[in-house]
N, C-alpha and C. Protein backbone atom coordinates (compact mmCIF):
# COMPACT_ATOMS: atom_id res chain seq x y z
N MET A 1 -54.22 91.75 40.19
CA MET A 1 -54.72 92.81 41.02
C MET A 1 -55.47 93.82 40.15
N ARG A 2 -56.56 94.36 40.68
CA ARG A 2 -57.38 95.34 39.97
C ARG A 2 -57.79 96.44 40.93
N TYR A 3 -57.60 97.68 40.53
CA TYR A 3 -58.01 98.82 41.35
C TYR A 3 -59.53 98.86 41.41
N LEU A 4 -60.11 98.97 42.62
CA LEU A 4 -61.56 98.93 42.76
C LEU A 4 -62.20 100.28 43.03
N HIS A 5 -61.73 100.98 44.08
CA HIS A 5 -62.37 102.24 44.42
C HIS A 5 -61.49 103.09 45.34
N THR A 6 -61.89 104.34 45.47
CA THR A 6 -61.31 105.26 46.44
C THR A 6 -62.43 105.62 47.40
N MET A 7 -62.13 105.61 48.70
CA MET A 7 -63.14 105.95 49.70
C MET A 7 -62.84 107.31 50.28
N VAL A 8 -63.88 108.14 50.37
CA VAL A 8 -63.79 109.40 51.08
C VAL A 8 -64.96 109.48 52.06
N ARG A 9 -64.69 110.04 53.22
CA ARG A 9 -65.74 110.20 54.23
C ARG A 9 -66.48 111.51 53.96
N ILE A 10 -67.79 111.45 54.15
CA ILE A 10 -68.62 112.64 53.93
C ILE A 10 -69.40 112.93 55.20
N SER A 11 -69.83 114.18 55.34
CA SER A 11 -70.57 114.57 56.54
C SER A 11 -72.05 114.86 56.25
N ASP A 12 -72.42 114.98 54.97
CA ASP A 12 -73.80 115.29 54.60
C ASP A 12 -74.09 114.62 53.26
N ILE A 13 -74.95 113.60 53.27
CA ILE A 13 -75.23 112.84 52.05
C ILE A 13 -75.81 113.73 50.95
N ASP A 14 -76.83 114.51 51.28
CA ASP A 14 -77.49 115.33 50.25
C ASP A 14 -76.53 116.34 49.64
N ARG A 15 -75.77 117.03 50.47
CA ARG A 15 -74.82 118.03 49.97
C ARG A 15 -73.74 117.37 49.11
N SER A 16 -73.28 116.22 49.55
CA SER A 16 -72.24 115.51 48.81
C SER A 16 -72.76 115.00 47.47
N LEU A 17 -73.96 114.42 47.46
CA LEU A 17 -74.51 113.92 46.20
C LEU A 17 -74.80 115.06 45.23
N GLU A 18 -75.20 116.22 45.75
CA GLU A 18 -75.40 117.37 44.87
C GLU A 18 -74.07 117.72 44.18
N PHE A 19 -72.97 117.74 44.97
CA PHE A 19 -71.67 118.06 44.40
C PHE A 19 -71.22 116.98 43.42
N TYR A 20 -71.17 115.73 43.87
CA TYR A 20 -70.60 114.65 43.05
C TYR A 20 -71.47 114.32 41.84
N CYS A 21 -72.79 114.25 42.01
CA CYS A 21 -73.67 113.83 40.91
C CYS A 21 -74.14 115.00 40.05
N LYS A 22 -74.72 116.00 40.69
CA LYS A 22 -75.27 117.12 39.91
C LYS A 22 -74.17 117.97 39.27
N HIS A 23 -73.15 118.32 40.04
CA HIS A 23 -72.14 119.24 39.52
C HIS A 23 -70.96 118.54 38.86
N MET A 24 -70.52 117.40 39.40
CA MET A 24 -69.38 116.69 38.81
C MET A 24 -69.80 115.67 37.77
N GLY A 25 -71.10 115.36 37.69
CA GLY A 25 -71.61 114.48 36.64
C GLY A 25 -71.46 113.00 36.91
N MET A 26 -71.24 112.63 38.17
CA MET A 26 -71.11 111.21 38.49
C MET A 26 -72.49 110.60 38.70
N THR A 27 -72.56 109.26 38.71
CA THR A 27 -73.82 108.54 38.86
C THR A 27 -73.71 107.54 40.01
N GLU A 28 -74.72 107.55 40.86
CA GLU A 28 -74.77 106.56 41.93
C GLU A 28 -75.10 105.20 41.31
N VAL A 29 -74.25 104.19 41.57
CA VAL A 29 -74.48 102.86 41.00
C VAL A 29 -74.80 101.81 42.06
N ARG A 30 -74.53 102.14 43.32
CA ARG A 30 -74.78 101.16 44.37
C ARG A 30 -74.80 101.88 45.71
N ARG A 31 -75.66 101.39 46.63
CA ARG A 31 -75.73 101.95 47.98
C ARG A 31 -76.03 100.83 48.96
N SER A 32 -75.37 100.87 50.11
CA SER A 32 -75.68 99.89 51.15
C SER A 32 -75.60 100.57 52.51
N GLU A 33 -76.39 100.05 53.44
CA GLU A 33 -76.40 100.58 54.80
C GLU A 33 -76.11 99.46 55.77
N SER A 34 -75.38 99.80 56.82
CA SER A 34 -75.08 98.83 57.87
C SER A 34 -75.67 99.34 59.18
N GLN A 35 -76.73 98.67 59.62
CA GLN A 35 -77.35 99.04 60.90
C GLN A 35 -76.37 98.82 62.06
N THR A 36 -75.67 97.69 62.03
CA THR A 36 -74.75 97.39 63.13
C THR A 36 -73.51 98.28 63.10
N GLY A 37 -73.00 98.58 61.92
CA GLY A 37 -71.83 99.44 61.81
C GLY A 37 -72.17 100.92 61.83
N ARG A 38 -73.46 101.24 61.64
CA ARG A 38 -73.97 102.61 61.66
C ARG A 38 -73.31 103.48 60.59
N PHE A 39 -73.35 102.98 59.34
CA PHE A 39 -72.80 103.76 58.23
C PHE A 39 -73.56 103.44 56.94
N THR A 40 -73.43 104.36 55.98
CA THR A 40 -73.98 104.19 54.64
C THR A 40 -72.83 104.30 53.66
N LEU A 41 -72.79 103.39 52.69
CA LEU A 41 -71.80 103.44 51.61
C LEU A 41 -72.53 103.73 50.31
N ILE A 42 -72.03 104.71 49.58
CA ILE A 42 -72.61 105.08 48.29
C ILE A 42 -71.49 105.02 47.26
N PHE A 43 -71.67 104.21 46.23
CA PHE A 43 -70.66 104.05 45.19
C PHE A 43 -71.06 104.83 43.95
N LEU A 44 -70.13 105.64 43.45
CA LEU A 44 -70.37 106.49 42.29
C LEU A 44 -69.43 106.11 41.15
N ALA A 45 -69.94 106.23 39.93
CA ALA A 45 -69.13 105.98 38.72
C ALA A 45 -69.07 107.25 37.90
N ALA A 46 -67.98 107.42 37.17
CA ALA A 46 -67.82 108.55 36.26
C ALA A 46 -68.78 108.39 35.09
N SER A 47 -69.25 109.52 34.55
CA SER A 47 -70.26 109.49 33.49
C SER A 47 -69.81 108.69 32.27
N GLU A 48 -68.56 108.81 31.87
CA GLU A 48 -68.09 108.09 30.69
C GLU A 48 -68.12 106.57 30.93
N ASP A 49 -67.84 106.14 32.15
CA ASP A 49 -67.91 104.71 32.47
C ASP A 49 -69.35 104.22 32.45
N VAL A 50 -70.29 105.05 32.91
CA VAL A 50 -71.70 104.67 32.88
C VAL A 50 -72.16 104.56 31.44
N GLU A 51 -71.84 105.57 30.62
CA GLU A 51 -72.26 105.59 29.22
C GLU A 51 -71.69 104.41 28.43
N ALA A 52 -70.49 103.96 28.79
CA ALA A 52 -69.85 102.84 28.09
C ALA A 52 -70.28 101.49 28.65
N GLY A 53 -71.16 101.50 29.66
CA GLY A 53 -71.65 100.25 30.23
C GLY A 53 -70.64 99.54 31.10
N ARG A 54 -69.66 100.26 31.62
CA ARG A 54 -68.64 99.61 32.46
C ARG A 54 -68.63 100.16 33.88
N ALA A 55 -69.77 100.70 34.32
CA ALA A 55 -69.84 101.35 35.63
C ALA A 55 -69.43 100.43 36.77
N ASN A 56 -69.72 99.15 36.68
CA ASN A 56 -69.36 98.25 37.76
C ASN A 56 -68.00 97.59 37.56
N ALA A 57 -67.38 97.83 36.41
CA ALA A 57 -66.05 97.27 36.14
C ALA A 57 -64.96 98.32 36.32
N ALA A 58 -65.32 99.60 36.20
CA ALA A 58 -64.34 100.69 36.33
C ALA A 58 -64.14 101.01 37.81
N PRO A 59 -63.04 101.67 38.14
CA PRO A 59 -62.85 102.12 39.53
C PRO A 59 -63.99 103.05 39.93
N LEU A 60 -64.43 102.92 41.18
CA LEU A 60 -65.53 103.70 41.69
C LEU A 60 -65.07 104.64 42.79
N LEU A 61 -65.90 105.61 43.10
CA LEU A 61 -65.69 106.47 44.25
C LEU A 61 -66.69 106.02 45.31
N GLU A 62 -66.18 105.66 46.48
CA GLU A 62 -67.03 105.23 47.59
C GLU A 62 -67.16 106.37 48.57
N LEU A 63 -68.41 106.85 48.75
CA LEU A 63 -68.68 107.86 49.77
C LEU A 63 -69.12 107.13 51.03
N THR A 64 -68.45 107.39 52.14
CA THR A 64 -68.79 106.74 53.40
C THR A 64 -69.38 107.78 54.34
N TYR A 65 -70.63 107.53 54.74
CA TYR A 65 -71.31 108.41 55.69
C TYR A 65 -71.49 107.66 57.00
N ASN A 66 -70.79 108.12 58.04
CA ASN A 66 -70.95 107.55 59.37
C ASN A 66 -72.12 108.23 60.07
N TRP A 67 -73.05 107.44 60.60
CA TRP A 67 -74.27 107.99 61.17
C TRP A 67 -74.01 108.80 62.43
N ASP A 68 -72.99 108.45 63.17
CA ASP A 68 -72.65 109.21 64.36
C ASP A 68 -71.72 110.35 63.95
N PRO A 69 -72.08 111.59 64.27
CA PRO A 69 -71.30 112.75 63.80
C PRO A 69 -69.82 112.68 64.18
N GLU A 70 -68.99 113.02 63.21
CA GLU A 70 -67.55 113.12 63.42
C GLU A 70 -67.05 114.35 62.67
N THR A 71 -65.93 114.89 63.12
CA THR A 71 -65.29 115.99 62.40
C THR A 71 -64.07 115.42 61.70
N TYR A 72 -63.99 115.63 60.40
CA TYR A 72 -62.87 115.12 59.62
C TYR A 72 -61.93 116.25 59.27
N GLY A 73 -60.65 116.07 59.56
CA GLY A 73 -59.64 117.06 59.19
C GLY A 73 -59.29 116.92 57.72
N GLY A 74 -58.73 117.98 57.16
CA GLY A 74 -58.37 117.97 55.74
C GLY A 74 -56.92 117.60 55.54
N GLY A 75 -56.56 116.34 55.78
CA GLY A 75 -55.18 115.91 55.65
C GLY A 75 -54.68 115.99 54.22
N ARG A 76 -53.65 116.77 53.98
CA ARG A 76 -53.09 116.89 52.65
C ARG A 76 -52.38 115.60 52.22
N ASN A 77 -52.12 114.70 53.15
CA ASN A 77 -51.48 113.45 52.77
C ASN A 77 -52.36 112.60 51.87
N PHE A 78 -53.68 112.87 51.85
CA PHE A 78 -54.58 112.14 50.96
C PHE A 78 -54.26 112.49 49.51
N GLY A 79 -53.98 113.72 49.21
CA GLY A 79 -53.74 114.15 47.84
C GLY A 79 -55.01 114.57 47.17
N HIS A 80 -55.40 113.92 46.06
CA HIS A 80 -56.58 114.33 45.32
C HIS A 80 -57.11 113.19 44.46
N LEU A 81 -58.30 113.40 43.94
CA LEU A 81 -58.90 112.52 42.94
C LEU A 81 -58.75 113.22 41.60
N ALA A 82 -58.47 112.50 40.54
CA ALA A 82 -58.28 113.11 39.23
C ALA A 82 -59.30 112.55 38.24
N TYR A 83 -59.92 113.47 37.48
CA TYR A 83 -60.89 113.09 36.47
C TYR A 83 -60.62 113.85 35.18
N GLU A 84 -60.75 113.16 34.08
CA GLU A 84 -60.59 113.74 32.76
C GLU A 84 -61.94 114.31 32.32
N VAL A 85 -61.92 115.51 31.72
CA VAL A 85 -63.16 116.15 31.26
C VAL A 85 -63.03 116.51 29.78
N ASP A 86 -64.18 116.58 29.10
CA ASP A 86 -64.18 116.89 27.67
C ASP A 86 -63.74 118.32 27.38
N ASP A 87 -64.17 119.27 28.21
CA ASP A 87 -63.83 120.67 27.98
C ASP A 87 -63.58 121.33 29.34
N ILE A 88 -62.32 121.57 29.65
CA ILE A 88 -61.93 122.10 30.96
C ILE A 88 -62.57 123.46 31.23
N TYR A 89 -62.68 124.30 30.22
CA TYR A 89 -63.25 125.63 30.41
C TYR A 89 -64.76 125.56 30.67
N GLN A 90 -65.48 124.76 29.89
CA GLN A 90 -66.92 124.61 30.10
C GLN A 90 -67.20 123.99 31.46
N THR A 91 -66.41 122.99 31.84
CA THR A 91 -66.61 122.33 33.14
C THR A 91 -66.41 123.33 34.27
N CYS A 92 -65.32 124.09 34.22
CA CYS A 92 -65.05 125.06 35.28
C CYS A 92 -66.11 126.16 35.32
N GLN A 93 -66.58 126.61 34.17
CA GLN A 93 -67.62 127.63 34.14
C GLN A 93 -68.91 127.10 34.75
N ARG A 94 -69.27 125.87 34.40
CA ARG A 94 -70.49 125.24 34.95
C ARG A 94 -70.39 125.14 36.47
N LEU A 95 -69.21 124.75 36.98
CA LEU A 95 -69.01 124.63 38.41
C LEU A 95 -69.07 126.01 39.08
N MET A 96 -68.42 127.00 38.49
CA MET A 96 -68.47 128.36 39.04
C MET A 96 -69.91 128.89 39.06
N ASP A 97 -70.66 128.64 38.00
CA ASP A 97 -72.05 129.09 37.94
C ASP A 97 -72.89 128.44 39.04
N ALA A 98 -72.46 127.26 39.50
CA ALA A 98 -73.17 126.56 40.57
C ALA A 98 -72.66 126.99 41.95
N GLY A 99 -71.74 127.97 41.99
CA GLY A 99 -71.25 128.46 43.26
C GLY A 99 -70.05 127.71 43.81
N ILE A 100 -69.45 126.85 43.01
CA ILE A 100 -68.29 126.07 43.44
C ILE A 100 -67.02 126.87 43.11
N THR A 101 -66.14 127.01 44.10
CA THR A 101 -64.91 127.76 43.93
C THR A 101 -63.91 126.97 43.10
N ILE A 102 -63.32 127.61 42.12
CA ILE A 102 -62.24 127.01 41.34
C ILE A 102 -60.95 127.38 42.08
N ASN A 103 -60.40 126.44 42.83
CA ASN A 103 -59.23 126.73 43.66
C ASN A 103 -57.98 126.97 42.83
N ARG A 104 -57.82 126.22 41.78
CA ARG A 104 -56.69 126.40 40.87
C ARG A 104 -57.30 126.45 39.47
N PRO A 105 -57.43 127.65 38.89
CA PRO A 105 -58.06 127.78 37.57
C PRO A 105 -57.22 127.12 36.47
N PRO A 106 -57.87 126.78 35.36
CA PRO A 106 -57.16 126.13 34.24
C PRO A 106 -56.40 127.14 33.38
N ARG A 107 -55.48 127.85 33.98
CA ARG A 107 -54.72 128.88 33.25
C ARG A 107 -54.00 128.31 32.04
N ASP A 108 -53.57 127.06 32.14
CA ASP A 108 -52.81 126.42 31.08
C ASP A 108 -53.68 125.68 30.07
N GLY A 109 -55.02 125.74 30.27
CA GLY A 109 -55.92 125.02 29.38
C GLY A 109 -55.88 123.52 29.58
N ARG A 110 -55.27 123.08 30.65
CA ARG A 110 -55.06 121.65 30.88
C ARG A 110 -55.59 121.15 32.22
N MET A 111 -55.37 121.93 33.30
CA MET A 111 -55.60 121.41 34.64
C MET A 111 -56.25 122.45 35.53
N ALA A 112 -57.21 121.99 36.36
CA ALA A 112 -57.85 122.84 37.36
C ALA A 112 -58.08 121.99 38.61
N PHE A 113 -58.31 122.65 39.74
CA PHE A 113 -58.65 121.97 40.98
C PHE A 113 -59.86 122.63 41.62
N VAL A 114 -60.75 121.79 42.15
CA VAL A 114 -61.88 122.23 42.96
C VAL A 114 -61.91 121.32 44.19
N LYS A 115 -62.77 121.68 45.17
CA LYS A 115 -62.91 120.85 46.37
C LYS A 115 -64.36 120.48 46.59
N SER A 116 -64.57 119.30 47.14
CA SER A 116 -65.90 118.84 47.50
C SER A 116 -66.34 119.56 48.78
N PRO A 117 -67.60 119.39 49.18
CA PRO A 117 -68.06 120.00 50.43
C PRO A 117 -67.25 119.52 51.65
N ASP A 118 -66.59 118.37 51.55
CA ASP A 118 -65.78 117.85 52.65
C ASP A 118 -64.29 118.07 52.42
N ASN A 119 -63.94 119.03 51.56
CA ASN A 119 -62.55 119.43 51.29
C ASN A 119 -61.69 118.37 50.64
N ILE A 120 -62.29 117.52 49.83
CA ILE A 120 -61.53 116.57 49.03
C ILE A 120 -61.15 117.28 47.73
N SER A 121 -59.87 117.32 47.41
CA SER A 121 -59.41 118.00 46.20
C SER A 121 -59.66 117.14 44.97
N PHE A 122 -60.18 117.78 43.93
CA PHE A 122 -60.42 117.15 42.64
C PHE A 122 -59.55 117.83 41.60
N GLU A 123 -58.74 117.06 40.92
CA GLU A 123 -57.98 117.57 39.78
C GLU A 123 -58.80 117.28 38.53
N LEU A 124 -59.07 118.31 37.75
CA LEU A 124 -59.78 118.16 36.48
C LEU A 124 -58.76 118.34 35.37
N LEU A 125 -58.69 117.36 34.48
CA LEU A 125 -57.71 117.38 33.40
C LEU A 125 -58.42 117.39 32.05
N GLN A 126 -57.96 118.25 31.16
CA GLN A 126 -58.51 118.33 29.81
C GLN A 126 -58.21 117.04 29.06
N LYS A 127 -59.24 116.44 28.48
CA LYS A 127 -59.06 115.24 27.67
C LYS A 127 -58.29 115.62 26.40
N GLY A 128 -57.31 114.82 26.05
CA GLY A 128 -56.53 115.08 24.82
C GLY A 128 -55.57 116.23 25.03
N GLU A 129 -55.41 117.04 23.98
CA GLU A 129 -54.49 118.17 24.02
C GLU A 129 -55.03 119.30 24.90
N SER A 130 -54.12 120.07 25.47
CA SER A 130 -54.51 121.25 26.24
C SER A 130 -55.23 122.24 25.34
N LYS A 131 -56.18 122.97 25.91
CA LYS A 131 -56.84 124.04 25.17
C LYS A 131 -55.93 125.26 25.19
N ALA A 132 -56.09 126.14 24.23
CA ALA A 132 -55.31 127.38 24.19
C ALA A 132 -55.68 128.23 25.41
N PRO A 133 -54.70 128.89 26.04
CA PRO A 133 -55.02 129.76 27.17
C PRO A 133 -56.08 130.79 26.77
N ALA A 134 -57.03 131.00 27.68
CA ALA A 134 -58.13 131.93 27.39
C ALA A 134 -58.58 132.60 28.69
N GLU A 135 -59.15 133.77 28.55
CA GLU A 135 -59.71 134.49 29.69
C GLU A 135 -61.12 133.99 29.97
N PRO A 136 -61.58 134.06 31.20
CA PRO A 136 -60.94 134.71 32.34
C PRO A 136 -59.91 133.84 33.03
N TRP A 137 -59.74 132.62 32.55
CA TRP A 137 -58.91 131.63 33.22
C TRP A 137 -57.43 132.01 33.25
N ALA A 138 -56.92 132.53 32.16
CA ALA A 138 -55.47 132.79 32.04
C ALA A 138 -54.95 133.75 33.10
N SER A 139 -55.78 134.70 33.54
CA SER A 139 -55.31 135.67 34.53
C SER A 139 -55.92 135.46 35.90
N MET A 140 -56.71 134.41 36.09
CA MET A 140 -57.37 134.16 37.37
C MET A 140 -56.35 133.60 38.38
N GLU A 141 -56.40 134.11 39.59
CA GLU A 141 -55.51 133.68 40.66
C GLU A 141 -56.05 132.43 41.34
N ASN A 142 -55.16 131.72 42.05
CA ASN A 142 -55.57 130.60 42.88
C ASN A 142 -56.40 131.12 44.05
N THR A 143 -57.30 130.28 44.55
CA THR A 143 -58.12 130.62 45.70
C THR A 143 -58.00 129.51 46.73
N GLY A 144 -57.49 129.83 47.91
CA GLY A 144 -57.35 128.82 48.96
C GLY A 144 -56.31 127.78 48.60
N SER A 145 -56.48 126.60 49.13
CA SER A 145 -55.55 125.51 48.86
C SER A 145 -56.17 124.53 47.90
N TRP A 146 -55.32 123.73 47.28
CA TRP A 146 -55.81 122.70 46.36
C TRP A 146 -54.91 121.52 46.39
């Protein structure tokens, strides 16, 4: 058995790709459309997997866009997606500068949470050892849910 992908439903392709690709650093590796099923599937790979040439062998994120409008609730039973980052502080600052809310700041130098435009929680984890606690993160409060 091999883990292949995680699927999340999206409501706006452009807004979602801006978040996942531009801000989170993922790369679109495959896209397909089903006229009969009335949906678009977009598969994304993490940047490190793309750089290592394993984008199609590593687990992917599948964005599913249904052409007929639907409202998706934010079920906490889904949990979150987790990604390792080279520098938790730089990543969070870059996201904040882009207008993305840091729901759970990296106060511990190890872990932060943000949400996609469709309220999918992302856990960001510092690669390797935790960074030393630093401001403004150490005293920043949580915002919303994560």
